[in-house]
Amino acid sequence: MGMDVRYFMPPNSVAPYAFFFFGDLLNDYNTLELISTLSTMETFQKIYRPEIYNSNAVAGEVYKPSLKNLDCSLTQVVYDREERARLAVEQGKWCEEHFIQRHQLTLEKWVANFAEPAL
């Protein structure tokens, strides 16, 4: 896909976050964009990867994930792919209705400031 990846591990976290991006991560994106992305990643990764993010201890300096680690507790939740797909659609529709449609003009103005000119 031509994307680069950089890993970021916030202090006291249990696992790193992976940023997949085009260009220069630190110069092409402002602080607010990076913080927003991290916040979203933290939430979604805890929901969709509980087997990794349900650790009972902060990750060490070298991250070596394993379900056999003593600090990993298995979740009591069993995820169903069909349920995940259905929930993703429902969540997308909710966001569209309660966020995108309500704030469409503001979002369009904001995006216009960052859009690249057409070639």
PDB file of N, CA and C in Angstrom:
ATOM      1  N   MET A   1       0.813  -1.192   0.000  1.00  0.00           N
ATOM      2  CA  MET A   1       0.000   0.000   0.000  1.00  0.00           C
ATOM      3  C   MET A   1       0.855   1.253   0.000  1.00  0.00           C
ATOM      4  N   GLY A   2       2.138   1.131   0.231  1.00  0.00           N
ATOM      5  CA  GLY A   2       3.002   2.290   0.209  1.00  0.00           C
ATOM      6  C   GLY A   2       3.004   3.101   1.493  1.00  0.00           C
ATOM      7  N   MET A   3       2.416   2.565   2.545  1.00  0.00           N
ATOM      8  CA  MET A   3       2.365   3.301   3.807  1.00  0.00           C
ATOM      9  C   MET A   3       3.579   2.953   4.663  1.00  0.00           C
ATOM     10  N   ASP A   4       3.963   3.909   5.498  1.00  0.00           N
ATOM     11  CA  ASP A   4       5.009   3.667   6.479  1.00  0.00           C
ATOM     12  C   ASP A   4       4.333   3.358   7.806  1.00  0.00           C
ATOM     13  N   VAL A   5       5.100   2.802   8.732  1.00  0.00           N
ATOM     14  CA  VAL A   5       4.558   2.526  10.055  1.00  0.00           C
ATOM     15  C   VAL A   5       5.552   2.982  11.111  1.00  0.00           C
ATOM     16  N   ARG A   6       5.021   3.584  12.163  1.00  0.00           N
ATOM     17  CA  ARG A   6       5.820   3.932  13.341  1.00  0.00           C
ATOM     18  C   ARG A   6       5.034   3.490  14.557  1.00  0.00           C
ATOM     19  N   TYR A   7       5.746   3.017  15.547  1.00  0.00           N
ATOM     20  CA  TYR A   7       5.096   2.525  16.756  1.00  0.00           C
ATOM     21  C   TYR A   7       5.264   3.543  17.876  1.00  0.00           C
ATOM     22  N   PHE A   8       4.246   3.658  18.682  1.00  0.00           N
ATOM     23  CA  PHE A   8       4.253   4.604  19.794  1.00  0.00           C
ATOM     24  C   PHE A   8       3.698   3.896  21.014  1.00  0.00           C
ATOM     25  N   MET A   9       4.406   3.988  22.130  1.00  0.00           N
ATOM     26  CA  MET A   9       3.910   3.384  23.357  1.00  0.00           C
ATOM     27  C   MET A   9       3.853   4.452  24.446  1.00  0.00           C
ATOM     28  N   PRO A  10       2.636   4.890  24.776  1.00  0.00           N
ATOM     29  CA  PRO A  10       2.494   5.889  25.835  1.00  0.00           C
ATOM     30  C   PRO A  10       3.029   5.340  27.161  1.00  0.00           C
ATOM     31  N   PRO A  11       3.491   6.204  28.043  1.00  0.00           N
ATOM     32  CA  PRO A  11       3.964   5.747  29.348  1.00  0.00           C
ATOM     33  C   PRO A  11       2.870   4.963  30.077  1.00  0.00           C
ATOM     34  N   ASN A  12       3.261   3.902  30.748  1.00  0.00           N
ATOM     35  CA  ASN A  12       2.358   3.065  31.549  1.00  0.00           C
ATOM     36  C   ASN A  12       1.298   2.328  30.738  1.00  0.00           C
ATOM     37  N   SER A  13       1.504   2.168  29.453  1.00  0.00           N
ATOM     38  CA  SER A  13       0.536   1.420  28.647  1.00  0.00           C
ATOM     39  C   SER A  13       0.928  -0.056  28.619  1.00  0.00           C
ATOM     40  N   VAL A  14       0.001  -0.881  28.158  1.00  0.00           N
ATOM     41  CA  VAL A  14       0.258  -2.316  28.137  1.00  0.00           C
ATOM     42  C   VAL A  14       0.707  -2.814  26.768  1.00  0.00           C
ATOM     43  N   ALA A  15       0.553  -1.976  25.733  1.00  0.00           N
ATOM     44  CA  ALA A  15       0.965  -2.374  24.389  1.00  0.00           C
ATOM     45  C   ALA A  15       1.143  -1.128  23.521  1.00  0.00           C
ATOM     46  N   PRO A  16       1.979  -1.217  22.501  1.00  0.00           N
ATOM     47  CA  PRO A  16       2.204  -0.049  21.626  1.00  0.00           C
ATOM     48  C   PRO A  16       1.082   0.123  20.601  1.00  0.00           C
ATOM     49  N   TYR A  17       1.001   1.329  20.073  1.00  0.00           N
ATOM     50  CA  TYR A  17       0.070   1.634  18.985  1.00  0.00           C
ATOM     51  C   TYR A  17       0.881   1.757  17.706  1.00  0.00           C
ATOM     52  N   ALA A  18       0.324   1.311  16.614  1.00  0.00           N
ATOM     53  CA  ALA A  18       1.005   1.402  15.324  1.00  0.00           C
ATOM     54  C   ALA A  18       0.340   2.494  14.489  1.00  0.00           C
ATOM     55  N   PHE A  19       1.129   3.457  14.018  1.00  0.00           N
ATOM     56  CA  PHE A  19       0.649   4.496  13.109  1.00  0.00           C
ATOM     57  C   PHE A  19       1.034   4.093  11.701  1.00  0.00           C
ATOM     58  N   PHE A  20       0.045   3.899  10.847  1.00  0.00           N
ATOM     59  CA  PHE A  20       0.288   3.659   9.432  1.00  0.00           C
ATOM     60  C   PHE A  20      -0.031   4.972   8.735  1.00  0.00           C
ATOM     61  N   PHE A  21       0.881   5.472   7.927  1.00  0.00           N
ATOM     62  CA  PHE A  21       0.712   6.817   7.388  1.00  0.00           C
ATOM     63  C   PHE A  21       1.479   6.978   6.084  1.00  0.00           C
ATOM     64  N   PHE A  22       1.149   8.055   5.380  1.00  0.00           N
ATOM     65  CA  PHE A  22       1.875   8.493   4.192  1.00  0.00           C
ATOM     66  C   PHE A  22       2.648   9.744   4.581  1.00  0.00           C
ATOM     67  N   GLY A  23       3.812   9.957   4.018  1.00  0.00           N
ATOM     68  CA  GLY A  23       4.551  11.194   4.240  1.00  0.00           C
ATOM     69  C   GLY A  23       5.378  11.177   5.511  1.00  0.00           C
ATOM     70  N   ASP A  24       5.400  12.313   6.189  1.00  0.00           N
ATOM     71  CA  ASP A  24       6.204  12.518   7.392  1.00  0.00           C
ATOM     72  C   ASP A  24       5.260  12.633   8.585  1.00  0.00           C
ATOM     73  N   LEU A  25       5.227  11.630   9.432  1.00  0.00           N
ATOM     74  CA  LEU A  25       4.266  11.571  10.529  1.00  0.00           C
ATOM     75  C   LEU A  25       4.316  12.806  11.428  1.00  0.00           C
ATOM     76  N   LEU A  26       5.494  13.213  11.823  1.00  0.00           N
ATOM     77  CA  LEU A  26       5.584  14.308  12.789  1.00  0.00           C
ATOM     78  C   LEU A  26       5.458  15.695  12.174  1.00  0.00           C
ATOM     79  N   ASN A  27       5.723  15.830  10.882  1.00  0.00           N
ATOM     80  CA  ASN A  27       5.640  17.147  10.253  1.00  0.00           C
ATOM     81  C   ASN A  27       4.378  17.350   9.417  1.00  0.00           C
ATOM     82  N   ASP A  28       3.772  16.267   8.954  1.00  0.00           N
ATOM     83  CA  ASP A  28       2.580  16.395   8.107  1.00  0.00           C
ATOM     84  C   ASP A  28       1.278  16.421   8.909  1.00  0.00           C
ATOM     85  N   TYR A  29       1.355  16.074  10.184  1.00  0.00           N
ATOM     86  CA  TYR A  29       0.157  16.017  11.021  1.00  0.00           C
ATOM     87  C   TYR A  29       0.390  16.901  12.241  1.00  0.00           C
ATOM     88  N   ASN A  30      -0.636  17.644  12.635  1.00  0.00           N
ATOM     89  CA  ASN A  30      -0.463  18.515  13.796  1.00  0.00           C
ATOM     90  C   ASN A  30      -0.706  17.738  15.089  1.00  0.00           C
ATOM     91  N   THR A  31      -0.402  18.357  16.200  1.00  0.00           N
ATOM     92  CA  THR A  31      -0.501  17.702  17.505  1.00  0.00           C
ATOM     93  C   THR A  31      -1.917  17.231  17.791  1.00  0.00           C
ATOM     94  N   LEU A  32      -2.903  18.048  17.464  1.00  0.00           N
ATOM     95  CA  LEU A  32      -4.295  17.675  17.710  1.00  0.00           C
ATOM     96  C   LEU A  32      -4.671  16.416  16.926  1.00  0.00           C
ATOM     97  N   GLU A  33      -4.236  16.325  15.675  1.00  0.00           N
ATOM     98  CA  GLU A  33      -4.530  15.137  14.866  1.00  0.00           C
ATOM     99  C   GLU A  33      -3.903  13.891  15.478  1.00  0.00           C
ATOM    100  N   LEU A  34      -2.667  14.005  15.941  1.00  0.00           N
ATOM    101  CA  LEU A  34      -1.987  12.854  16.532  1.00  0.00           C
ATOM    102  C   LEU A  34      -2.629  12.445  17.855  1.00  0.00           C
ATOM    103  N   ILE A  35      -2.957  13.410  18.699  1.00  0.00           N
ATOM    104  CA  ILE A  35      -3.598  13.108  19.981  1.00  0.00           C
ATOM    105  C   ILE A  35      -4.968  12.478  19.756  1.00  0.00           C
ATOM    106  N   SER A  36      -5.725  13.014  18.810  1.00  0.00           N
ATOM    107  CA  SER A  36      -7.047  12.457  18.505  1.00  0.00           C
ATOM    108  C   SER A  36      -6.926  11.020  18.026  1.00  0.00           C
ATOM    109  N   THR A  37      -5.947  10.785  17.176  1.00  0.00           N
ATOM    110  CA  THR A  37      -5.739   9.435  16.659  1.00  0.00           C
ATOM    111  C   THR A  37      -5.371   8.482  17.783  1.00  0.00           C
ATOM    112  N   LEU A  38      -4.472   8.899  18.656  1.00  0.00           N
ATOM    113  CA  LEU A  38      -4.076   8.052  19.793  1.00  0.00           C
ATOM    114  C   LEU A  38      -5.263   7.722  20.694  1.00  0.00           C
ATOM    115  N   SER A  39      -6.082   8.709  20.988  1.00  0.00           N
ATOM    116  CA  SER A  39      -7.245   8.482  21.839  1.00  0.00           C
ATOM    117  C   SER A  39      -8.197   7.476  21.218  1.00  0.00           C
ATOM    118  N   THR A  40      -8.434   7.636  19.934  1.00  0.00           N
ATOM    119  CA  THR A  40      -9.319   6.713  19.229  1.00  0.00           C
ATOM    120  C   THR A  40      -8.715   5.317  19.192  1.00  0.00           C
ATOM    121  N   MET A  41      -7.418   5.243  18.896  1.00  0.00           N
ATOM    122  CA  MET A  41      -6.750   3.940  18.829  1.00  0.00           C
ATOM    123  C   MET A  41      -6.823   3.234  20.177  1.00  0.00           C
ATOM    124  N   GLU A  42      -6.601   3.977  21.250  1.00  0.00           N
ATOM    125  CA  GLU A  42      -6.623   3.376  22.580  1.00  0.00           C
ATOM    126  C   GLU A  42      -7.978   2.738  22.857  1.00  0.00           C
ATOM    127  N   THR A  43      -9.028   3.471  22.557  1.00  0.00           N
ATOM    128  CA  THR A  43     -10.372   2.963  22.802  1.00  0.00           C
ATOM    129  C   THR A  43     -10.682   1.739  21.940  1.00  0.00           C
ATOM    130  N   PHE A  44     -10.464   1.856  20.633  1.00  0.00           N
ATOM    131  CA  PHE A  44     -10.816   0.763  19.745  1.00  0.00           C
ATOM    132  C   PHE A  44      -9.944  -0.470  19.953  1.00  0.00           C
ATOM    133  N   GLN A  45      -8.676  -0.274  20.257  1.00  0.00           N
ATOM    134  CA  GLN A  45      -7.821  -1.438  20.449  1.00  0.00           C
ATOM    135  C   GLN A  45      -8.204  -2.197  21.712  1.00  0.00           C
ATOM    136  N   LYS A  46      -8.664  -1.508  22.730  1.00  0.00           N
ATOM    137  CA  LYS A  46      -9.119  -2.194  23.939  1.00  0.00           C
ATOM    138  C   LYS A  46     -10.400  -2.968  23.672  1.00  0.00           C
ATOM    139  N   ILE A  47     -11.239  -2.438  22.789  1.00  0.00           N
ATOM    140  CA  ILE A  47     -12.492  -3.119  22.459  1.00  0.00           C
ATOM    141  C   ILE A  47     -12.241  -4.311  21.543  1.00  0.00           C
ATOM    142  N   TYR A  48     -11.470  -4.101  20.485  1.00  0.00           N
ATOM    143  CA  TYR A  48     -11.335  -5.122  19.457  1.00  0.00           C
ATOM    144  C   TYR A  48     -10.160  -6.062  19.640  1.00  0.00           C
ATOM    145  N   ARG A  49      -9.236  -5.764  20.539  1.00  0.00           N
ATOM    146  CA  ARG A  49      -8.117  -6.664  20.801  1.00  0.00           C
ATOM    147  C   ARG A  49      -7.963  -6.904  22.305  1.00  0.00           C
ATOM    148  N   PRO A  50      -9.037  -7.322  22.974  1.00  0.00           N
ATOM    149  CA  PRO A  50      -8.970  -7.444  24.439  1.00  0.00           C
ATOM    150  C   PRO A  50      -7.945  -8.461  24.904  1.00  0.00           C
ATOM    151  N   GLU A  51      -7.642  -9.439  24.079  1.00  0.00           N
ATOM    152  CA  GLU A  51      -6.674 -10.452  24.491  1.00  0.00           C
ATOM    153  C   GLU A  51      -5.280  -9.867  24.681  1.00  0.00           C
ATOM    154  N   ILE A  52      -5.002  -8.753  24.037  1.00  0.00           N
ATOM    155  CA  ILE A  52      -3.710  -8.077  24.201  1.00  0.00           C
ATOM    156  C   ILE A  52      -3.816  -6.966  25.244  1.00  0.00           C
ATOM    157  N   TYR A  53      -4.879  -6.191  25.179  1.00  0.00           N
ATOM    158  CA  TYR A  53      -4.983  -4.998  26.001  1.00  0.00           C
ATOM    159  C   TYR A  53      -5.603  -5.250  27.368  1.00  0.00           C
ATOM    160  N   ASN A  54      -5.851  -6.499  27.704  1.00  0.00           N
ATOM    161  CA  ASN A  54      -6.390  -6.840  29.023  1.00  0.00           C
ATOM    162  C   ASN A  54      -5.273  -7.243  29.974  1.00  0.00           C
ATOM    163  N   SER A  55      -4.093  -6.827  29.693  1.00  0.00           N
ATOM    164  CA  SER A  55      -2.942  -7.150  30.531  1.00  0.00           C
ATOM    165  C   SER A  55      -3.089  -6.504  31.899  1.00  0.00           C
ATOM    166  N   ASN A  56      -2.496  -7.146  32.886  1.00  0.00           N
ATOM    167  CA  ASN A  56      -2.560  -6.620  34.250  1.00  0.00           C
ATOM    168  C   ASN A  56      -1.313  -5.845  34.638  1.00  0.00           C
ATOM    169  N   ALA A  57      -0.393  -5.671  33.713  1.00  0.00           N
ATOM    170  CA  ALA A  57       0.857  -4.992  34.033  1.00  0.00           C
ATOM    171  C   ALA A  57       1.288  -4.107  32.868  1.00  0.00           C
ATOM    172  N   VAL A  58       2.032  -3.099  33.203  1.00  0.00           N
ATOM    173  CA  VAL A  58       2.586  -2.203  32.191  1.00  0.00           C
ATOM    174  C   VAL A  58       3.610  -2.982  31.370  1.00  0.00           C
ATOM    175  N   ALA A  59       3.662  -2.705  30.074  1.00  0.00           N
ATOM    176  CA  ALA A  59       4.613  -3.391  29.192  1.00  0.00           C
ATOM    177  C   ALA A  59       6.047  -3.029  29.576  1.00  0.00           C
ATOM    178  N   GLY A  60       6.946  -3.958  29.345  1.00  0.00           N
ATOM    179  CA  GLY A  60       8.353  -3.710  29.614  1.00  0.00           C
ATOM    180  C   GLY A  60       8.973  -2.850  28.526  1.00  0.00           C
ATOM    181  N   GLU A  61      10.249  -2.566  28.656  1.00  0.00           N
ATOM    182  CA  GLU A  61      10.935  -1.740  27.653  1.00  0.00           C
ATOM    183  C   GLU A  61      10.911  -2.396  26.285  1.00  0.00           C
ATOM    184  N   VAL A  62      11.025  -3.706  26.263  1.00  0.00           N
ATOM    185  CA  VAL A  62      10.924  -4.459  25.013  1.00  0.00           C
ATOM    186  C   VAL A  62       9.588  -5.177  25.049  1.00  0.00           C
ATOM    187  N   TYR A  63       8.743  -4.870  24.083  1.00  0.00           N
ATOM    188  CA  TYR A  63       7.391  -5.429  24.053  1.00  0.00           C
ATOM    189  C   TYR A  63       7.400  -6.789  23.374  1.00  0.00           C
ATOM    190  N   LYS A  64       7.048  -7.829  24.100  1.00  0.00           N
ATOM    191  CA  LYS A  64       6.977  -9.191  23.568  1.00  0.00           C
ATOM    192  C   LYS A  64       5.639  -9.797  23.984  1.00  0.00           C
ATOM    193  N   PRO A  65       4.590  -9.558  23.203  1.00  0.00           N
ATOM    194  CA  PRO A  65       3.266 -10.041  23.590  1.00  0.00           C
ATOM    195  C   PRO A  65       3.146 -11.557  23.486  1.00  0.00           C
ATOM    196  N   SER A  66       2.435 -12.116  24.427  1.00  0.00           N
ATOM    197  CA  SER A  66       2.143 -13.548  24.395  1.00  0.00           C
ATOM    198  C   SER A  66       0.984 -13.814  25.338  1.00  0.00           C
ATOM    199  N   LEU A  67       0.068 -14.657  24.905  1.00  0.00           N
ATOM    200  CA  LEU A  67      -1.034 -15.036  25.774  1.00  0.00           C
ATOM    201  C   LEU A  67      -0.546 -15.944  26.899  1.00  0.00           C
ATOM    202  N   LYS A  68       0.709 -16.366  26.832  1.00  0.00           N
ATOM    203  CA  LYS A  68       1.288 -17.212  27.874  1.00  0.00           C
ATOM    204  C   LYS A  68       1.981 -16.395  28.961  1.00  0.00           C
ATOM    205  N   ASN A  69       2.098 -15.071  28.769  1.00  0.00           N
ATOM    206  CA  ASN A  69       2.707 -14.228  29.797  1.00  0.00           C
ATOM    207  C   ASN A  69       1.873 -14.288  31.070  1.00  0.00           C
ATOM    208  N   LEU A  70       2.530 -14.269  32.204  1.00  0.00           N
ATOM    209  CA  LEU A  70       1.837 -14.364  33.491  1.00  0.00           C
ATOM    210  C   LEU A  70       0.958 -13.149  33.780  1.00  0.00           C
ATOM    211  N   ASP A  71       1.273 -12.001  33.180  1.00  0.00           N
ATOM    212  CA  ASP A  71       0.492 -10.797  33.453  1.00  0.00           C
ATOM    213  C   ASP A  71      -0.709 -10.630  32.530  1.00  0.00           C
ATOM    214  N   CYS A  72      -0.994 -11.612  31.719  1.00  0.00           N
ATOM    215  CA  CYS A  72      -2.120 -11.539  30.783  1.00  0.00           C
ATOM    216  C   CYS A  72      -3.306 -12.295  31.369  1.00  0.00           C
ATOM    217  N   SER A  73      -4.442 -11.637  31.450  1.00  0.00           N
ATOM    218  CA  SER A  73      -5.645 -12.331  31.912  1.00  0.00           C
ATOM    219  C   SER A  73      -6.584 -12.484  30.728  1.00  0.00           C
ATOM    220  N   LEU A  74      -7.073 -13.668  30.539  1.00  0.00           N
ATOM    221  CA  LEU A  74      -7.980 -13.924  29.429  1.00  0.00           C
ATOM    222  C   LEU A  74      -9.305 -13.211  29.688  1.00  0.00           C
ATOM    223  N   THR A  75      -9.890 -12.682  28.648  1.00  0.00           N
ATOM    224  CA  THR A  75     -11.153 -11.962  28.791  1.00  0.00           C
ATOM    225  C   THR A  75     -12.294 -12.961  28.920  1.00  0.00           C
ATOM    226  N   GLN A  76     -13.364 -12.497  29.501  1.00  0.00           N
ATOM    227  CA  GLN A  76     -14.557 -13.326  29.644  1.00  0.00           C
ATOM    228  C   GLN A  76     -15.510 -13.108  28.466  1.00  0.00           C
ATOM    229  N   VAL A  77     -15.075 -12.274  27.521  1.00  0.00           N
ATOM    230  CA  VAL A  77     -15.908 -11.929  26.380  1.00  0.00           C
ATOM    231  C   VAL A  77     -15.479 -12.748  25.171  1.00  0.00           C
ATOM    232  N   VAL A  78     -16.448 -13.328  24.485  1.00  0.00           N
ATOM    233  CA  VAL A  78     -16.171 -14.051  23.250  1.00  0.00           C
ATOM    234  C   VAL A  78     -16.710 -13.196  22.109  1.00  0.00           C
ATOM    235  N   TYR A  79     -15.843 -12.853  21.164  1.00  0.00           N
ATOM    236  CA  TYR A  79     -16.255 -11.997  20.062  1.00  0.00           C
ATOM    237  C   TYR A  79     -16.637 -12.834  18.859  1.00  0.00           C
ATOM    238  N   ASP A  80     -17.666 -12.407  18.236  1.00  0.00           N
ATOM    239  CA  ASP A  80     -18.223 -13.071  17.068  1.00  0.00           C
ATOM    240  C   ASP A  80     -17.996 -12.147  15.868  1.00  0.00           C
ATOM    241  N   ARG A  81     -17.374 -12.658  14.810  1.00  0.00           N
ATOM    242  CA  ARG A  81     -17.076 -11.810  13.640  1.00  0.00           C
ATOM    243  C   ARG A  81     -18.329 -11.185  13.045  1.00  0.00           C
ATOM    244  N   GLU A  82     -19.406 -11.951  12.990  1.00  0.00           N
ATOM    245  CA  GLU A  82     -20.653 -11.426  12.428  1.00  0.00           C
ATOM    246  C   GLU A  82     -21.184 -10.281  13.305  1.00  0.00           C
ATOM    247  N   GLU A  83     -21.098 -10.471  14.618  1.00  0.00           N
ATOM    248  CA  GLU A  83     -21.543  -9.426  15.534  1.00  0.00           C
ATOM    249  C   GLU A  83     -20.672  -8.174  15.382  1.00  0.00           C
ATOM    250  N   ARG A  84     -19.361  -8.363  15.270  1.00  0.00           N
ATOM    251  CA  ARG A  84     -18.454  -7.225  15.087  1.00  0.00           C
ATOM    252  C   ARG A  84     -18.810  -6.447  13.833  1.00  0.00           C
ATOM    253  N   ALA A  85     -19.068  -7.178  12.735  1.00  0.00           N
ATOM    254  CA  ALA A  85     -19.402  -6.518  11.472  1.00  0.00           C
ATOM    255  C   ALA A  85     -20.706  -5.734  11.612  1.00  0.00           C
ATOM    256  N   ARG A  86     -21.690  -6.340  12.265  1.00  0.00           N
ATOM    257  CA  ARG A  86     -22.978  -5.667  12.453  1.00  0.00           C
ATOM    258  C   ARG A  86     -22.806  -4.432  13.332  1.00  0.00           C
ATOM    259  N   LEU A  87     -22.053  -4.572  14.417  1.00  0.00           N
ATOM    260  CA  LEU A  87     -21.836  -3.439  15.306  1.00  0.00           C
ATOM    261  C   LEU A  87     -21.072  -2.312  14.609  1.00  0.00           C
ATOM    262  N   ALA A  88     -20.136  -2.668  13.752  1.00  0.00           N
ATOM    263  CA  ALA A  88     -19.380  -1.644  13.023  1.00  0.00           C
ATOM    264  C   ALA A  88     -20.317  -0.808  12.163  1.00  0.00           C
ATOM    265  N   VAL A  89     -21.263  -1.454  11.501  1.00  0.00           N
ATOM    266  CA  VAL A  89     -22.234  -0.736  10.660  1.00  0.00           C
ATOM    267  C   VAL A  89     -23.124   0.144  11.538  1.00  0.00           C
ATOM    268  N   GLU A  90     -23.592  -0.411  12.657  1.00  0.00           N
ATOM    269  CA  GLU A  90     -24.450   0.363  13.562  1.00  0.00           C
ATOM    270  C   GLU A  90     -23.702   1.570  14.136  1.00  0.00           C
ATOM    271  N   GLN A  91     -22.455   1.364  14.532  1.00  0.00           N
ATOM    272  CA  GLN A  91     -21.668   2.462  15.080  1.00  0.00           C
ATOM    273  C   GLN A  91     -21.411   3.530  14.021  1.00  0.00           C
ATOM    274  N   GLY A  92     -21.141   3.097  12.798  1.00  0.00           N
ATOM    275  CA  GLY A  92     -20.935   4.048  11.708  1.00  0.00           C
ATOM    276  C   GLY A  92     -22.169   4.881  11.441  1.00  0.00           C
ATOM    277  N   LYS A  93     -23.338   4.234  11.437  1.00  0.00           N
ATOM    278  CA  LYS A  93     -24.594   4.968  11.217  1.00  0.00           C
ATOM    279  C   LYS A  93     -24.862   5.942  12.358  1.00  0.00           C
ATOM    280  N   TRP A  94     -24.576   5.516  13.595  1.00  0.00           N
ATOM    281  CA  TRP A  94     -24.778   6.396  14.750  1.00  0.00           C
ATOM    282  C   TRP A  94     -23.881   7.621  14.632  1.00  0.00           C
ATOM    283  N   CYS A  95     -22.603   7.414  14.289  1.00  0.00           N
ATOM    284  CA  CYS A  95     -21.662   8.539  14.142  1.00  0.00           C
ATOM    285  C   CYS A  95     -22.110   9.472  13.022  1.00  0.00           C
ATOM    286  N   GLU A  96     -22.580   8.887  11.935  1.00  0.00           N
ATOM    287  CA  GLU A  96     -23.044   9.726  10.825  1.00  0.00           C
ATOM    288  C   GLU A  96     -24.216  10.602  11.269  1.00  0.00           C
ATOM    289  N   GLU A  97     -25.174   9.989  11.965  1.00  0.00           N
ATOM    290  CA  GLU A  97     -26.373  10.710  12.388  1.00  0.00           C
ATOM    291  C   GLU A  97     -26.083  11.746  13.481  1.00  0.00           C
ATOM    292  N   HIS A  98     -25.315  11.364  14.482  1.00  0.00           N
ATOM    293  CA  HIS A  98     -25.115  12.232  15.649  1.00  0.00           C
ATOM    294  C   HIS A  98     -23.899  13.149  15.564  1.00  0.00           C
ATOM    295  N   PHE A  99     -23.006  12.894  14.639  1.00  0.00           N
ATOM    296  CA  PHE A  99     -21.806  13.720  14.556  1.00  0.00           C
ATOM    297  C   PHE A  99     -21.649  14.353  13.178  1.00  0.00           C
ATOM    298  N   ILE A 100     -21.556  13.508  12.157  1.00  0.00           N
ATOM    299  CA  ILE A 100     -21.255  14.025  10.817  1.00  0.00           C
ATOM    300  C   ILE A 100     -22.380  14.898  10.286  1.00  0.00           C
ATOM    301  N   GLN A 101     -23.618  14.410  10.312  1.00  0.00           N
ATOM    302  CA  GLN A 101     -24.728  15.200   9.770  1.00  0.00           C
ATOM    303  C   GLN A 101     -24.955  16.483  10.577  1.00  0.00           C
ATOM    304  N   ARG A 102     -24.867  16.389  11.895  1.00  0.00           N
ATOM    305  CA  ARG A 102     -25.102  17.563  12.749  1.00  0.00           C
ATOM    306  C   ARG A 102     -24.054  18.651  12.548  1.00  0.00           C
ATOM    307  N   HIS A 103     -22.837  18.233  12.248  1.00  0.00           N
ATOM    308  CA  HIS A 103     -21.732  19.182  12.148  1.00  0.00           C
ATOM    309  C   HIS A 103     -21.138  19.241  10.742  1.00  0.00           C
ATOM    310  N   GLN A 104     -21.941  18.902   9.751  1.00  0.00           N
ATOM    311  CA  GLN A 104     -21.463  18.793   8.380  1.00  0.00           C
ATOM    312  C   GLN A 104     -20.778  20.064   7.876  1.00  0.00           C
ATOM    313  N   LEU A 105     -21.387  21.221   8.092  1.00  0.00           N
ATOM    314  CA  LEU A 105     -20.800  22.469   7.586  1.00  0.00           C
ATOM    315  C   LEU A 105     -19.452  22.750   8.251  1.00  0.00           C
ATOM    316  N   THR A 106     -19.388  22.555   9.546  1.00  0.00           N
ATOM    317  CA  THR A 106     -18.128  22.771  10.264  1.00  0.00           C
ATOM    318  C   THR A 106     -17.061  21.810   9.773  1.00  0.00           C
ATOM    319  N   LEU A 107     -17.429  20.541   9.605  1.00  0.00           N
ATOM    320  CA  LEU A 107     -16.477  19.540   9.124  1.00  0.00           C
ATOM    321  C   LEU A 107     -15.992  19.859   7.710  1.00  0.00           C
ATOM    322  N   GLU A 108     -16.889  20.294   6.842  1.00  0.00           N
ATOM    323  CA  GLU A 108     -16.506  20.638   5.469  1.00  0.00           C
ATOM    324  C   GLU A 108     -15.527  21.820   5.451  1.00  0.00           C
ATOM    325  N   LYS A 109     -15.777  22.822   6.301  1.00  0.00           N
ATOM    326  CA  LYS A 109     -14.857  23.962   6.381  1.00  0.00           C
ATOM    327  C   LYS A 109     -13.494  23.509   6.903  1.00  0.00           C
ATOM    328  N   TRP A 110     -13.520  22.647   7.920  1.00  0.00           N
ATOM    329  CA  TRP A 110     -12.273  22.159   8.508  1.00  0.00           C
ATOM    330  C   TRP A 110     -11.478  21.344   7.487  1.00  0.00           C
ATOM    331  N   VAL A 111     -12.155  20.449   6.776  1.00  0.00           N
ATOM    332  CA  VAL A 111     -11.493  19.609   5.780  1.00  0.00           C
ATOM    333  C   VAL A 111     -10.937  20.463   4.643  1.00  0.00           C
ATOM    334  N   ALA A 112     -11.650  21.510   4.270  1.00  0.00           N
ATOM    335  CA  ALA A 112     -11.191  22.375   3.179  1.00  0.00           C
ATOM    336  C   ALA A 112      -9.833  22.991   3.492  1.00  0.00           C
ATOM    337  N   ASN A 113      -9.545  23.213   4.762  1.00  0.00           N
ATOM    338  CA  ASN A 113      -8.246  23.780   5.153  1.00  0.00           C
ATOM    339  C   ASN A 113      -7.100  22.789   4.963  1.00  0.00           C
ATOM    340  N   PHE A 114      -7.415  21.505   4.909  1.00  0.00           N
ATOM    341  CA  PHE A 114      -6.380  20.492   4.825  1.00  0.00           C
ATOM    342  C   PHE A 114      -6.354  19.738   3.503  1.00  0.00           C
ATOM    343  N   ALA A 115      -7.337  20.000   2.658  1.00  0.00           N
ATOM    344  CA  ALA A 115      -7.422  19.294   1.367  1.00  0.00           C
ATOM    345  C   ALA A 115      -6.291  19.710   0.450  1.00  0.00           C
ATOM    346  N   GLU A 116      -5.720  18.737  -0.242  1.00  0.00           N
ATOM    347  CA  GLU A 116      -4.679  19.035  -1.222  1.00  0.00           C
ATOM    348  C   GLU A 116      -5.341  19.500  -2.516  1.00  0.00           C
ATOM    349  N   PRO A 117      -4.736  20.447  -3.207  1.00  0.00           N
ATOM    350  CA  PRO A 117      -5.334  20.925  -4.464  1.00  0.00           C
ATOM    351  C   PRO A 117      -5.387  19.800  -5.498  1.00  0.00           C
ATOM    352  N   ALA A 118      -6.447  19.816  -6.285  1.00  0.00           N
ATOM    353  CA  ALA A 118      -6.611  18.814  -7.334  1.00  0.00           C
ATOM    354  C   ALA A 118      -5.524  18.981  -8.390  1.00  0.00           C
ATOM    355  N   LEU A 119      -5.056  17.850  -8.915  1.00  0.00           N
ATOM    356  CA  LEU A 119      -4.000  17.897  -9.927  1.00  0.00           C
ATOM    357  C   LEU A 119      -4.564  18.100 -11.299  1.00  0.00           C
TER     358      LEU A 119
END
